[in-house]
Protein backbone atom coordinates (compact mmCIF):
# COMPACT_ATOMS: atom_id res chain seq x y z
CA UNK A 1 -28.66 -21.58 31.17
CA UNK A 2 -31.49 -19.01 29.63
CA UNK A 3 -32.24 -19.45 26.07
CA UNK A 4 -34.27 -15.99 26.05
CA UNK A 5 -33.56 -13.92 23.20
CA UNK A 6 -31.11 -11.30 22.95
CA UNK A 7 -33.29 -8.31 21.72
CA UNK A 8 -30.89 -5.96 21.24
CA UNK A 9 -29.44 -8.34 18.65
CA UNK A 10 -32.30 -8.95 16.90
CA UNK A 11 -32.46 -5.31 16.49
CA UNK A 12 -29.22 -5.43 15.01
CA UNK A 13 -29.60 -8.06 12.70
CA UNK A 14 -32.63 -6.34 11.16
CA UNK A 15 -30.69 -3.13 10.72
CA UNK A 16 -27.98 -5.25 9.05
CA UNK A 17 -30.82 -6.82 6.61
CA UNK A 18 -31.88 -3.24 5.98
CA UNK A 19 -28.70 -2.25 4.93
CA UNK A 20 -28.66 -5.05 2.26
CA UNK A 21 -31.53 -4.38 0.65
CA UNK A 22 -30.62 -0.60 0.61
CA UNK A 23 -27.18 -1.07 -0.66
CA UNK A 24 -28.49 -3.27 -3.59
CA UNK A 25 -31.25 -0.84 -4.11
CA UNK A 26 -28.75 2.02 -4.67
CA UNK A 27 -26.47 -0.29 -7.19
CA UNK A 28 -29.72 -0.82 -8.94
CA UNK A 29 -31.18 2.89 -9.64
CA UNK A 30 -28.79 6.01 -10.52
CA UNK A 31 -28.33 8.09 -7.78
CA UNK A 32 -25.32 10.06 -8.37
CA UNK A 33 -22.52 10.46 -6.30
CA UNK A 34 -24.67 10.39 -3.17
CA UNK A 35 -25.60 7.51 -3.75
CA UNK A 36 -22.51 5.88 -5.06
CA UNK A 37 -20.87 6.86 -1.74
CA UNK A 38 -23.55 5.75 0.46
CA UNK A 39 -23.56 2.56 -1.39
CA UNK A 40 -19.87 2.05 -0.67
CA UNK A 41 -19.93 3.38 2.93
CA UNK A 42 -22.79 0.46 3.94
CA UNK A 43 -20.33 -1.81 1.97
CA UNK A 44 -17.66 -1.17 4.74
CA UNK A 45 -19.47 -2.67 7.25
CA UNK A 46 -23.06 -4.18 6.60
CA UNK A 47 -21.71 -7.98 5.97
CA UNK A 48 -18.11 -7.89 8.64
CA UNK A 49 -21.37 -7.06 10.92
CA UNK A 50 -23.70 -10.00 9.79
CA UNK A 51 -20.44 -12.47 10.51
CA UNK A 52 -19.85 -10.87 14.10
CA UNK A 53 -22.83 -11.48 15.17
CA UNK A 54 -22.52 -14.92 14.08
CA UNK A 55 -19.19 -15.17 15.74
CA UNK A 56 -20.38 -13.84 18.61
CA UNK A 57 -23.27 -16.75 18.84
CA UNK A 58 -20.37 -19.21 17.99
CA UNK A 59 -18.73 -18.89 21.20
CA UNK A 60 -21.50 -20.84 22.94
CA UNK A 61 -21.82 -24.38 22.88
CA UNK A 62 -18.86 -26.79 22.08
CA UNK A 63 -20.85 -29.29 18.92
CA UNK A 64 -19.02 -32.02 17.77
CA UNK A 65 -17.45 -31.38 14.24
CA UNK A 66 -20.18 -34.19 12.99
CA UNK A 67 -22.92 -32.16 14.73
CA UNK A 68 -21.93 -28.89 13.75
CA UNK A 69 -21.18 -30.35 9.95
CA UNK A 70 -24.88 -31.74 9.73
CA UNK A 71 -26.47 -28.84 11.85
CA UNK A 72 -25.10 -26.12 9.61
CA UNK A 73 -25.75 -28.02 5.87
CA UNK A 74 -29.30 -28.35 6.85
CA UNK A 75 -29.30 -24.51 7.90
CA UNK A 76 -26.85 -23.04 5.71
CA UNK A 77 -26.07 -25.32 2.89
CA UNK A 78 -29.57 -26.50 1.99
CA UNK A 79 -31.21 -23.02 1.36
CA UNK A 80 -27.91 -21.84 -0.67
CA UNK A 81 -28.82 -25.41 -3.13
CA UNK A 82 -32.59 -24.86 -3.34
CA UNK A 83 -32.40 -21.20 -3.96
CA UNK A 84 -29.49 -21.48 -6.33
CA UNK A 85 -31.48 -24.49 -8.59
CA UNK A 86 -34.90 -22.22 -8.25
CA UNK A 87 -32.42 -19.10 -9.65
CA UNK A 88 -30.88 -21.60 -12.69
CA UNK A 89 -34.24 -23.13 -13.81
CA UNK A 90 -35.55 -19.42 -14.08
CA UNK A 91 -32.51 -17.87 -15.89
CA UNK A 92 -32.92 -20.76 -17.80
CA UNK A 93 -36.49 -20.53 -18.93
CA UNK A 94 -36.21 -16.99 -19.18
CA UNK A 95 -33.05 -17.46 -21.53
CA UNK A 96 -30.45 -15.80 -19.84
CA UNK A 97 -27.06 -16.28 -21.21
CA UNK A 98 -24.99 -18.77 -19.93
CA UNK A 99 -22.41 -16.28 -18.25
CA UNK A 100 -25.07 -15.16 -16.09
CA UNK A 101 -26.31 -18.46 -15.09
CA UNK A 102 -22.20 -19.47 -14.52
CA UNK A 103 -22.02 -16.05 -12.04
CA UNK A 104 -25.19 -17.15 -9.94
CA UNK A 105 -23.91 -20.89 -9.76
CA UNK A 106 -20.56 -19.19 -8.28
CA UNK A 107 -21.63 -16.22 -6.22
CA UNK A 108 -25.31 -16.58 -5.18
CA UNK A 109 -25.92 -16.72 -1.37
CA UNK A 110 -22.33 -16.10 -1.09
CA UNK A 111 -22.46 -15.07 2.61
CA UNK A 112 -24.08 -18.34 3.38
CA UNK A 113 -21.33 -20.43 1.93
CA UNK A 114 -18.51 -18.26 3.61
CA UNK A 115 -20.42 -18.41 6.83
CA UNK A 116 -20.24 -22.46 6.80
CA UNK A 117 -16.44 -22.28 6.23
CA UNK A 118 -15.89 -19.82 8.76
CA UNK A 119 -17.72 -22.29 11.33
CA UNK A 120 -15.75 -25.43 10.22
CA UNK A 121 -12.22 -23.64 9.82
CA UNK A 122 -12.48 -21.86 13.51
CA UNK A 123 -13.63 -25.60 14.66
CA UNK A 124 -10.90 -26.74 13.38
CA UNK A 125 -8.42 -24.27 14.42
CA UNK A 126 -9.67 -24.31 17.64
CA UNK A 127 -9.50 -27.75 17.92
CA UNK A 128 -5.82 -28.04 17.23
CA UNK A 129 -4.49 -25.26 18.94
CA UNK A 130 -6.41 -24.99 22.18
CA UNK A 131 -5.43 -20.91 23.06
CA UNK A 132 -8.11 -18.71 21.29
CA UNK A 133 -5.98 -16.02 20.74
CA UNK A 134 -3.24 -18.06 19.30
CA UNK A 135 -5.35 -19.99 16.75
CA UNK A 136 -6.99 -17.29 15.55
CA UNK A 137 -3.97 -15.67 14.68
CA UNK A 138 -2.31 -18.59 12.86
CA UNK A 139 -5.62 -19.09 10.94
CA UNK A 140 -6.34 -15.91 9.87
CA UNK A 141 -2.70 -15.34 8.53
CA UNK A 142 -2.95 -18.83 7.02
CA UNK A 143 -5.67 -17.79 4.97
CA UNK A 144 -4.23 -14.67 3.94
CA UNK A 145 -1.11 -16.36 2.47
CA UNK A 146 -3.08 -19.75 0.47
CA UNK A 147 -4.26 -18.86 -2.84
CA UNK A 148 -7.38 -19.80 -2.25
CA UNK A 149 -8.12 -18.20 0.66
CA UNK A 150 -9.43 -15.10 -0.75
CA UNK A 151 -12.42 -16.92 -2.23
CA UNK A 152 -15.67 -14.88 -1.45
CA UNK A 153 -13.44 -12.99 0.49
CA UNK A 154 -13.45 -15.73 2.94
CA UNK A 155 -10.27 -14.51 4.56
CA UNK A 156 -11.18 -10.73 5.39
CA UNK A 157 -14.81 -12.25 6.89
CA UNK A 158 -13.00 -14.89 9.09
CA UNK A 159 -10.91 -12.04 10.27
CA UNK A 160 -14.42 -10.56 11.21
CA UNK A 161 -15.84 -14.35 12.65
CA UNK A 162 -13.17 -14.24 15.46
CA UNK A 163 -13.84 -10.77 16.39
CA UNK A 164 -17.33 -11.50 17.02
CA UNK A 165 -16.26 -14.52 18.99
CA UNK A 166 -13.66 -12.71 21.17
CA UNK A 167 -16.28 -9.90 21.77
CA UNK A 168 -18.97 -12.82 23.01
CA UNK A 169 -16.50 -14.30 25.20
CA UNK A 170 -15.69 -10.91 26.71
CA UNK A 171 -18.95 -9.53 26.52
CA UNK A 172 -18.86 -8.52 30.39
CA UNK A 173 -15.71 -6.62 30.49
CA UNK A 174 -17.16 -4.78 27.49
CA UNK A 175 -20.51 -4.00 29.03
CA UNK A 176 -18.52 -2.34 31.62
CA UNK A 177 -16.38 -0.17 29.16
CA UNK A 178 -19.45 0.61 27.04
CA UNK A 179 -17.46 4.34 25.84
CA UNK A 180 -14.24 2.55 25.53
CA UNK A 181 -15.98 0.21 23.13
CA UNK A 182 -18.06 3.17 21.35
CA UNK A 183 -14.75 4.64 20.70
CA UNK A 184 -12.77 1.66 19.27
CA UNK A 185 -15.55 1.16 16.88
CA UNK A 186 -15.64 4.46 15.59
CA UNK A 187 -11.81 4.47 14.83
CA UNK A 188 -12.17 1.06 12.95
CA UNK A 189 -14.90 2.73 10.97
CA UNK A 190 -13.18 5.74 9.85
CA UNK A 191 -9.94 3.28 9.33
CA UNK A 192 -12.49 1.26 7.03
CA UNK A 193 -12.95 4.22 5.14
CA UNK A 194 -9.72 5.36 5.28
CA UNK A 195 -8.84 2.17 3.34
CA UNK A 196 -11.42 2.08 1.34
CA UNK A 197 -10.48 5.49 -0.03
CA UNK A 198 -7.03 4.04 -0.58
CA UNK A 199 -8.54 1.65 -2.76
CA UNK A 200 -10.88 3.64 -5.10
CA UNK A 201 -13.84 2.65 -2.69
CA UNK A 202 -13.79 -1.09 -3.88
CA UNK A 203 -13.97 -3.67 -0.92
CA UNK A 204 -12.71 -6.25 -2.89
CA UNK A 205 -9.21 -4.94 -3.12
CA UNK A 206 -9.36 -5.42 0.94
CA UNK A 207 -9.38 -9.14 0.81
């Protein structure tokens, strides 16, 4: 099997990273209502886009649970631990208040923590339920029922992780129906904006 990089995914990841930078920049400056709504529109899809890309590639290969934990601990959790330690030390040296340090401990690099959980939880779901779409439905519903499922928007992001997984599994069919895919993507984006509007442009209420 070829291991050639898929260039349009590199471009898509660059676009998503640029949106993250732009979103954080808009949060830090006063640019009026235009900047506010631009930021909220970005937040309707930029992190789900990241998790969908990860889900797309998760359908390639079937690692053992042990190998999955070892590999993802090194590539995902180790950077979280290192950067959290750096930020906490900097905060202590610069006399930041304790509340700020607590926020950093909980929220720093939250996406990497969620991605780690998505990979492990999906692996377990597929191991106990052999039919993918049933595994997806059951595991997603369980996260929305459990009280801790919304931590770091885990339930919300996990749904998009499965979506990316199914896109990867059915990419040949999707390539043959590009127009339909673009149409459905547009509908989903508009629905996302609609639900954001209903929730006063607060995406955290959706999870």
